[in-house]
All heavy atoms as atom14 arrays in JSON, in Angstrom:
{
  "sequence": "KLSVDTTLIATGDAMSKAKGWDTASGALRQTFDCAGW",
  "atom14_mask": [
    [1, 1, 1, 1, 1, 1, 1, 1, 1, 0, 0, 0, 0, 0],
    [1, 1, 1, 1, 1, 1, 1, 1, 0, 0, 0, 0, 0, 0],
    [1, 1, 1, 1, 1, 1, 0, 0, 0, 0, 0, 0, 0, 0],
    [1, 1, 1, 1, 1, 1, 1, 0, 0, 0, 0, 0, 0, 0],
    [1, 1, 1, 1, 1, 1, 1, 1, 0, 0, 0, 0, 0, 0],
    [1, 1, 1, 1, 1, 1, 1, 0, 0, 0, 0, 0, 0, 0],
    [1, 1, 1, 1, 1, 1, 1, 0, 0, 0, 0, 0, 0, 0],
    [1, 1, 1, 1, 1, 1, 1, 1, 0, 0, 0, 0, 0, 0],
    [1, 1, 1, 1, 1, 1, 1, 1, 0, 0, 0, 0, 0, 0],
    [1, 1, 1, 1, 1, 0, 0, 0, 0, 0, 0, 0, 0, 0],
    [1, 1, 1, 1, 1, 1, 1, 0, 0, 0, 0, 0, 0, 0],
    [1, 1, 1, 1, 0, 0, 0, 0, 0, 0, 0, 0, 0, 0],
    [1, 1, 1, 1, 1, 1, 1, 1, 0, 0, 0, 0, 0, 0],
    [1, 1, 1, 1, 1, 0, 0, 0, 0, 0, 0, 0, 0, 0],
    [1, 1, 1, 1, 1, 1, 1, 1, 0, 0, 0, 0, 0, 0],
    [1, 1, 1, 1, 1, 1, 0, 0, 0, 0, 0, 0, 0, 0],
    [1, 1, 1, 1, 1, 1, 1, 1, 1, 0, 0, 0, 0, 0],
    [1, 1, 1, 1, 1, 0, 0, 0, 0, 0, 0, 0, 0, 0],
    [1, 1, 1, 1, 1, 1, 1, 1, 1, 0, 0, 0, 0, 0],
    [1, 1, 1, 1, 0, 0, 0, 0, 0, 0, 0, 0, 0, 0],
    [1, 1, 1, 1, 1, 1, 1, 1, 1, 1, 1, 1, 1, 1],
    [1, 1, 1, 1, 1, 1, 1, 1, 0, 0, 0, 0, 0, 0],
    [1, 1, 1, 1, 1, 1, 1, 0, 0, 0, 0, 0, 0, 0],
    [1, 1, 1, 1, 1, 0, 0, 0, 0, 0, 0, 0, 0, 0],
    [1, 1, 1, 1, 1, 1, 0, 0, 0, 0, 0, 0, 0, 0],
    [1, 1, 1, 1, 0, 0, 0, 0, 0, 0, 0, 0, 0, 0],
    [1, 1, 1, 1, 1, 0, 0, 0, 0, 0, 0, 0, 0, 0],
    [1, 1, 1, 1, 1, 1, 1, 1, 0, 0, 0, 0, 0, 0],
    [1, 1, 1, 1, 1, 1, 1, 1, 1, 1, 1, 0, 0, 0],
    [1, 1, 1, 1, 1, 1, 1, 1, 1, 0, 0, 0, 0, 0],
    [1, 1, 1, 1, 1, 1, 1, 0, 0, 0, 0, 0, 0, 0],
    [1, 1, 1, 1, 1, 1, 1, 1, 1, 1, 1, 0, 0, 0],
    [1, 1, 1, 1, 1, 1, 1, 1, 0, 0, 0, 0, 0, 0],
    [1, 1, 1, 1, 1, 1, 0, 0, 0, 0, 0, 0, 0, 0],
    [1, 1, 1, 1, 1, 0, 0, 0, 0, 0, 0, 0, 0, 0],
    [1, 1, 1, 1, 0, 0, 0, 0, 0, 0, 0, 0, 0, 0],
    [1, 1, 1, 1, 1, 1, 1, 1, 1, 1, 1, 1, 1, 1]
  ],
  "atom14_positions": [
    [[-5.25, -4.92, -0.26], [-4.84, -6.32, -0.31], [-3.8, -6.59, 0.77], [-2.81, -5.86, 0.88], [-4.25, -6.66, -1.69], [-4.01, -8.15, -1.88], [-5.3, -8.93, -1.95], [-5.07, -10.41, -2.17], [-6.33, -11.17, -2.25], [0.0, 0.0, 0.0], [0.0, 0.0, 0.0], [0.0, 0.0, 0.0], [0.0, 0.0, 0.0], [0.0, 0.0, 0.0]],
    [[-4.03, -7.64, 1.56], [-3.07, -8.1, 2.54], [-2.12, -9.09, 1.9], [-2.52, -9.9, 1.05], [-3.77, -8.77, 3.71], [-4.32, -7.89, 4.83], [-5.28, -8.68, 5.69], [-3.18, -7.33, 5.68], [0.0, 0.0, 0.0], [0.0, 0.0, 0.0], [0.0, 0.0, 0.0], [0.0, 0.0, 0.0], [0.0, 0.0, 0.0], [0.0, 0.0, 0.0]],
    [[-0.85, -9.05, 2.29], [0.07, -10.09, 1.87], [-0.31, -11.41, 2.55], [-0.99, -11.41, 3.59], [1.51, -9.71, 2.21], [1.68, -9.56, 3.61], [0.0, 0.0, 0.0], [0.0, 0.0, 0.0], [0.0, 0.0, 0.0], [0.0, 0.0, 0.0], [0.0, 0.0, 0.0], [0.0, 0.0, 0.0], [0.0, 0.0, 0.0], [0.0, 0.0, 0.0]],
    [[0.11, -12.53, 1.98], [-0.24, -13.84, 2.53], [0.23, -13.98, 3.97], [-0.47, -14.55, 4.82], [0.34, -14.96, 1.65], [0.13, -16.33, 2.28], [-0.3, -14.93, 0.26], [0.0, 0.0, 0.0], [0.0, 0.0, 0.0], [0.0, 0.0, 0.0], [0.0, 0.0, 0.0], [0.0, 0.0, 0.0], [0.0, 0.0, 0.0], [0.0, 0.0, 0.0]],
    [[1.41, -13.45, 4.29], [1.94, -13.56, 5.65], [1.41, -12.47, 6.58], [1.82, -12.4, 7.76], [3.47, -13.57, 5.65], [4.07, -12.26, 5.13], [3.31, -11.31, 4.85], [5.3, -12.2, 4.99], [0.0, 0.0, 0.0], [0.0, 0.0, 0.0], [0.0, 0.0, 0.0], [0.0, 0.0, 0.0], [0.0, 0.0, 0.0], [0.0, 0.0, 0.0]],
    [[0.53, -11.61, 6.08], [-0.16, -10.53, 6.81], [0.79, -9.46, 7.36], [0.39, -8.66, 8.2], [-1.04, -11.05, 7.96], [-0.22, -11.55, 9.03], [-1.98, -12.14, 7.49], [0.0, 0.0, 0.0], [0.0, 0.0, 0.0], [0.0, 0.0, 0.0], [0.0, 0.0, 0.0], [0.0, 0.0, 0.0], [0.0, 0.0, 0.0], [0.0, 0.0, 0.0]],
    [[2.01, -9.38, 6.87], [2.95, -8.36, 7.35], [2.79, -7.04, 6.6], [3.23, -6.0, 7.09], [4.41, -8.82, 7.22], [4.7, -9.09, 5.85], [4.65, -10.07, 8.05], [0.0, 0.0, 0.0], [0.0, 0.0, 0.0], [0.0, 0.0, 0.0], [0.0, 0.0, 0.0], [0.0, 0.0, 0.0], [0.0, 0.0, 0.0], [0.0, 0.0, 0.0]],
    [[2.18, -7.08, 5.41], [2.02, -5.88, 4.58], [0.58, -5.74, 4.12], [-0.14, -6.74, 3.96], [2.93, -5.96, 3.35], [4.45, -5.99, 3.58], [5.15, -6.29, 2.26], [4.93, -4.67, 4.16], [0.0, 0.0, 0.0], [0.0, 0.0, 0.0], [0.0, 0.0, 0.0], [0.0, 0.0, 0.0], [0.0, 0.0, 0.0], [0.0, 0.0, 0.0]],
    [[0.18, -4.51, 3.89], [-1.1, -4.23, 3.26], [-0.86, -3.2, 2.16], [-0.09, -2.26, 2.34], [-2.16, -3.73, 4.28], [-3.53, -3.62, 3.63], [-1.74, -2.43, 4.92], [-4.65, -3.4, 4.63], [0.0, 0.0, 0.0], [0.0, 0.0, 0.0], [0.0, 0.0, 0.0], [0.0, 0.0, 0.0], [0.0, 0.0, 0.0], [0.0, 0.0, 0.0]],
    [[-1.47, -3.41, 1.0], [-1.37, -2.48, -0.11], [-2.7, -1.77, -0.31], [-3.76, -2.36, -0.12], [-0.97, -3.22, -1.39], [0.0, 0.0, 0.0], [0.0, 0.0, 0.0], [0.0, 0.0, 0.0], [0.0, 0.0, 0.0], [0.0, 0.0, 0.0], [0.0, 0.0, 0.0], [0.0, 0.0, 0.0], [0.0, 0.0, 0.0], [0.0, 0.0, 0.0]],
    [[-2.62, -0.49, -0.69], [-3.82, 0.29, -1.0], [-3.65, 0.94, -2.36], [-2.54, 1.25, -2.79], [-4.06, 1.38, 0.06], [-2.92, 2.26, 0.11], [-4.3, 0.78, 1.44], [0.0, 0.0, 0.0], [0.0, 0.0, 0.0], [0.0, 0.0, 0.0], [0.0, 0.0, 0.0], [0.0, 0.0, 0.0], [0.0, 0.0, 0.0], [0.0, 0.0, 0.0]],
    [[-4.77, 1.15, -3.04], [-4.77, 1.91, -4.29], [-5.79, 3.02, -4.19], [-6.93, 2.79, -3.75], [0.0, 0.0, 0.0], [0.0, 0.0, 0.0], [0.0, 0.0, 0.0], [0.0, 0.0, 0.0], [0.0, 0.0, 0.0], [0.0, 0.0, 0.0], [0.0, 0.0, 0.0], [0.0, 0.0, 0.0], [0.0, 0.0, 0.0], [0.0, 0.0, 0.0]],
    [[-5.44, 4.24, -4.59], [-6.32, 5.38, -4.33], [-6.65, 6.18, -5.59], [-6.25, 5.83, -6.7], [-5.75, 6.28, -3.23], [-4.42, 6.94, -3.61], [-4.23, 7.29, -4.79], [-3.58, 7.13, -2.72], [0.0, 0.0, 0.0], [0.0, 0.0, 0.0], [0.0, 0.0, 0.0], [0.0, 0.0, 0.0], [0.0, 0.0, 0.0], [0.0, 0.0, 0.0]],
    [[-7.4, 7.25, -5.39], [-7.89, 8.08, -6.5], [-6.86, 9.06, -7.01], [-7.11, 9.75, -8.01], [-9.14, 8.84, -6.05], [0.0, 0.0, 0.0], [0.0, 0.0, 0.0], [0.0, 0.0, 0.0], [0.0, 0.0, 0.0], [0.0, 0.0, 0.0], [0.0, 0.0, 0.0], [0.0, 0.0, 0.0], [0.0, 0.0, 0.0], [0.0, 0.0, 0.0]],
    [[-5.7, 9.13, -6.38], [-4.68, 10.1, -6.77], [-3.47, 9.44, -7.41], [-2.33, 9.88, -7.23], [-4.26, 10.94, -5.55], [-5.39, 11.8, -5.0], [-6.05, 12.98, -6.2], [-4.68, 14.11, -6.35], [0.0, 0.0, 0.0], [0.0, 0.0, 0.0], [0.0, 0.0, 0.0], [0.0, 0.0, 0.0], [0.0, 0.0, 0.0], [0.0, 0.0, 0.0]],
    [[-3.72, 8.35, -8.12], [-2.68, 7.66, -8.91], [-1.6, 7.03, -8.05], [-0.48, 6.82, -8.52], [-2.03, 8.62, -9.92], [-3.0, 9.24, -10.73], [0.0, 0.0, 0.0], [0.0, 0.0, 0.0], [0.0, 0.0, 0.0], [0.0, 0.0, 0.0], [0.0, 0.0, 0.0], [0.0, 0.0, 0.0], [0.0, 0.0, 0.0], [0.0, 0.0, 0.0]],
    [[-1.92, 6.7, -6.81], [-0.92, 6.14, -5.91], [-1.36, 4.76, -5.41], [-2.5, 4.57, -4.97], [-0.68, 7.03, -4.69], [-0.28, 8.46, -5.01], [1.09, 8.56, -5.64], [1.51, 10.0, -5.84], [2.78, 10.12, -6.6], [0.0, 0.0, 0.0], [0.0, 0.0, 0.0], [0.0, 0.0, 0.0], [0.0, 0.0, 0.0], [0.0, 0.0, 0.0]],
    [[-0.43, 3.81, -5.47], [-0.54, 2.58, -4.7], [0.48, 2.7, -3.58], [1.57, 3.25, -3.76], [-0.25, 1.36, -5.56], [0.0, 0.0, 0.0], [0.0, 0.0, 0.0], [0.0, 0.0, 0.0], [0.0, 0.0, 0.0], [0.0, 0.0, 0.0], [0.0, 0.0, 0.0], [0.0, 0.0, 0.0], [0.0, 0.0, 0.0], [0.0, 0.0, 0.0]],
    [[0.14, 2.18, -2.4], [1.03, 2.32, -1.26], [1.14, 0.99, -0.53], [0.17, 0.22, -0.45], [0.52, 3.41, -0.31], [0.51, 4.8, -0.94], [-0.06, 5.86, -0.01], [-0.05, 7.23, -0.69], [-0.63, 8.27, 0.18], [0.0, 0.0, 0.0], [0.0, 0.0, 0.0], [0.0, 0.0, 0.0], [0.0, 0.0, 0.0], [0.0, 0.0, 0.0]],
    [[2.33, 0.73, -0.01], [2.57, -0.45, 0.81], [2.81, -0.05, 2.25], [3.61, 0.85, 2.53], [0.0, 0.0, 0.0], [0.0, 0.0, 0.0], [0.0, 0.0, 0.0], [0.0, 0.0, 0.0], [0.0, 0.0, 0.0], [0.0, 0.0, 0.0], [0.0, 0.0, 0.0], [0.0, 0.0, 0.0], [0.0, 0.0, 0.0], [0.0, 0.0, 0.0]],
    [[2.07, -0.7, 3.17], [2.11, -0.34, 4.58], [2.54, -1.53, 5.43], [2.23, -2.67, 5.11], [0.73, 0.12, 5.05], [0.06, 1.16, 4.22], [-0.62, 0.96, 3.04], [-0.01, 2.56, 4.47], [-1.12, 2.14, 2.56], [-0.76, 3.15, 3.42], [0.48, 3.37, 5.5], [-1.02, 4.51, 3.36], [0.21, 4.74, 5.44], [-0.53, 5.3, 4.38]],
    [[3.2, -1.22, 6.56], [3.54, -2.23, 7.55], [2.33, -2.46, 8.46], [1.83, -1.5, 9.06], [4.75, -1.76, 8.38], [5.22, -2.8, 9.36], [4.58, -2.92, 10.43], [6.2, -3.49, 9.07], [0.0, 0.0, 0.0], [0.0, 0.0, 0.0], [0.0, 0.0, 0.0], [0.0, 0.0, 0.0], [0.0, 0.0, 0.0], [0.0, 0.0, 0.0]],
    [[1.85, -3.7, 8.55], [0.63, -3.95, 9.32], [0.87, -3.84, 10.83], [-0.05, -3.51, 11.58], [0.05, -5.33, 9.0], [1.04, -6.33, 9.22], [-0.44, -5.4, 7.56], [0.0, 0.0, 0.0], [0.0, 0.0, 0.0], [0.0, 0.0, 0.0], [0.0, 0.0, 0.0], [0.0, 0.0, 0.0], [0.0, 0.0, 0.0], [0.0, 0.0, 0.0]],
    [[2.09, -4.12, 11.28], [2.37, -4.07, 12.71], [2.4, -2.64, 13.25], [1.83, -2.34, 14.29], [3.69, -4.77, 13.02], [0.0, 0.0, 0.0], [0.0, 0.0, 0.0], [0.0, 0.0, 0.0], [0.0, 0.0, 0.0], [0.0, 0.0, 0.0], [0.0, 0.0, 0.0], [0.0, 0.0, 0.0], [0.0, 0.0, 0.0], [0.0, 0.0, 0.0]],
    [[3.06, -1.74, 12.49], [3.22, -0.37, 12.96], [2.28, 0.63, 12.28], [2.08, 1.73, 12.79], [4.67, 0.09, 12.72], [4.95, 0.15, 11.33], [0.0, 0.0, 0.0], [0.0, 0.0, 0.0], [0.0, 0.0, 0.0], [0.0, 0.0, 0.0], [0.0, 0.0, 0.0], [0.0, 0.0, 0.0], [0.0, 0.0, 0.0], [0.0, 0.0, 0.0]],
    [[1.75, 0.25, 11.12], [0.93, 1.18, 10.34], [1.77, 2.15, 9.53], [1.22, 3.06, 8.89], [0.0, 0.0, 0.0], [0.0, 0.0, 0.0], [0.0, 0.0, 0.0], [0.0, 0.0, 0.0], [0.0, 0.0, 0.0], [0.0, 0.0, 0.0], [0.0, 0.0, 0.0], [0.0, 0.0, 0.0], [0.0, 0.0, 0.0], [0.0, 0.0, 0.0]],
    [[3.09, 1.97, 9.52], [3.99, 2.89, 8.81], [3.96, 2.65, 7.31], [3.83, 1.51, 6.84], [5.42, 2.73, 9.33], [0.0, 0.0, 0.0], [0.0, 0.0, 0.0], [0.0, 0.0, 0.0], [0.0, 0.0, 0.0], [0.0, 0.0, 0.0], [0.0, 0.0, 0.0], [0.0, 0.0, 0.0], [0.0, 0.0, 0.0], [0.0, 0.0, 0.0]],
    [[4.09, 3.74, 6.56], [4.17, 3.65, 5.11], [5.54, 3.13, 4.7], [6.57, 3.67, 5.11], [3.94, 5.04, 4.49], [4.03, 5.14, 2.96], [2.93, 4.33, 2.3], [3.95, 6.6, 2.53], [0.0, 0.0, 0.0], [0.0, 0.0, 0.0], [0.0, 0.0, 0.0], [0.0, 0.0, 0.0], [0.0, 0.0, 0.0], [0.0, 0.0, 0.0]],
    [[5.56, 2.06, 3.9], [6.82, 1.47, 3.44], [7.23, 2.0, 2.07], [8.38, 2.37, 1.86], [6.67, -0.05, 3.36], [6.62, -0.75, 4.71], [8.0, -1.07, 5.23], [7.97, -2.02, 6.32], [8.03, -3.35, 6.16], [8.08, -3.87, 4.94], [8.01, -4.14, 7.2], [0.0, 0.0, 0.0], [0.0, 0.0, 0.0], [0.0, 0.0, 0.0]],
    [[6.28, 1.99, 1.1], [6.6, 2.39, -0.27], [5.4, 3.08, -0.89], [4.25, 2.82, -0.53], [6.97, 1.18, -1.13], [8.26, 0.48, -0.76], [9.49, 1.32, -1.07], [9.43, 2.31, -1.8], [10.62, 0.92, -0.51], [0.0, 0.0, 0.0], [0.0, 0.0, 0.0], [0.0, 0.0, 0.0], [0.0, 0.0, 0.0], [0.0, 0.0, 0.0]],
    [[5.68, 3.96, -1.85], [4.64, 4.58, -2.69], [4.96, 4.26, -4.14], [6.11, 4.39, -4.58], [4.61, 6.1, -2.49], [4.28, 6.39, -1.12], [3.55, 6.73, -3.39], [0.0, 0.0, 0.0], [0.0, 0.0, 0.0], [0.0, 0.0, 0.0], [0.0, 0.0, 0.0], [0.0, 0.0, 0.0], [0.0, 0.0, 0.0], [0.0, 0.0, 0.0]],
    [[3.94, 3.82, -4.88], [4.1, 3.4, -6.27], [3.25, 4.32, -7.15], [2.03, 4.41, -6.96], [3.65, 1.94, -6.44], [4.26, 1.0, -5.43], [3.61, 0.74, -4.23], [5.48, 0.39, -5.68], [4.16, -0.13, -3.29], [6.04, -0.49, -4.76], [5.38, -0.75, -3.55], [0.0, 0.0, 0.0], [0.0, 0.0, 0.0], [0.0, 0.0, 0.0]],
    [[3.87, 5.0, -8.1], [3.18, 5.97, -8.94], [2.5, 5.28, -10.12], [3.17, 4.65, -10.95], [4.16, 7.02, -9.46], [4.67, 7.91, -8.35], [3.87, 8.25, -7.45], [5.87, 8.27, -8.37], [0.0, 0.0, 0.0], [0.0, 0.0, 0.0], [0.0, 0.0, 0.0], [0.0, 0.0, 0.0], [0.0, 0.0, 0.0], [0.0, 0.0, 0.0]],
    [[1.18, 5.43, -10.22], [0.38, 4.84, -11.29], [-0.24, 5.96, -12.13], [0.21, 7.1, -12.06], [-0.68, 3.91, -10.7], [0.02, 2.57, -9.69], [0.0, 0.0, 0.0], [0.0, 0.0, 0.0], [0.0, 0.0, 0.0], [0.0, 0.0, 0.0], [0.0, 0.0, 0.0], [0.0, 0.0, 0.0], [0.0, 0.0, 0.0], [0.0, 0.0, 0.0]],
    [[-1.27, 5.64, -12.9], [-1.91, 6.64, -13.77], [-3.42, 6.59, -13.57], [-4.06, 5.63, -13.98], [-1.55, 6.39, -15.23], [0.0, 0.0, 0.0], [0.0, 0.0, 0.0], [0.0, 0.0, 0.0], [0.0, 0.0, 0.0], [0.0, 0.0, 0.0], [0.0, 0.0, 0.0], [0.0, 0.0, 0.0], [0.0, 0.0, 0.0], [0.0, 0.0, 0.0]],
    [[-3.97, 7.61, -12.95], [-5.42, 7.62, -12.71], [-5.77, 6.77, -11.5], [-4.91, 6.35, -10.72], [0.0, 0.0, 0.0], [0.0, 0.0, 0.0], [0.0, 0.0, 0.0], [0.0, 0.0, 0.0], [0.0, 0.0, 0.0], [0.0, 0.0, 0.0], [0.0, 0.0, 0.0], [0.0, 0.0, 0.0], [0.0, 0.0, 0.0], [0.0, 0.0, 0.0]],
    [[-7.07, 6.52, -11.32], [-7.53, 5.7, -10.2], [-6.85, 4.33, -10.22], [-6.77, 3.69, -11.27], [-9.03, 5.5, -10.28], [-9.84, 6.75, -10.12], [-9.39, 8.0, -9.81], [-11.25, 6.88, -10.29], [-10.41, 8.9, -9.77], [-11.58, 8.24, -10.06], [-12.27, 5.99, -10.6], [-12.88, 8.7, -10.13], [-13.57, 6.45, -10.67], [-13.87, 7.79, -10.44]]
  ]
}
């Protein structure tokens, strides 16, 4: 999911992680611990 202002992108994966990324640099901003996919 892209943020409305397109500065961030969020991903959700199979290893219980959601992640927030900087769209300009591609750098990882935050990791969010979830449960399962």
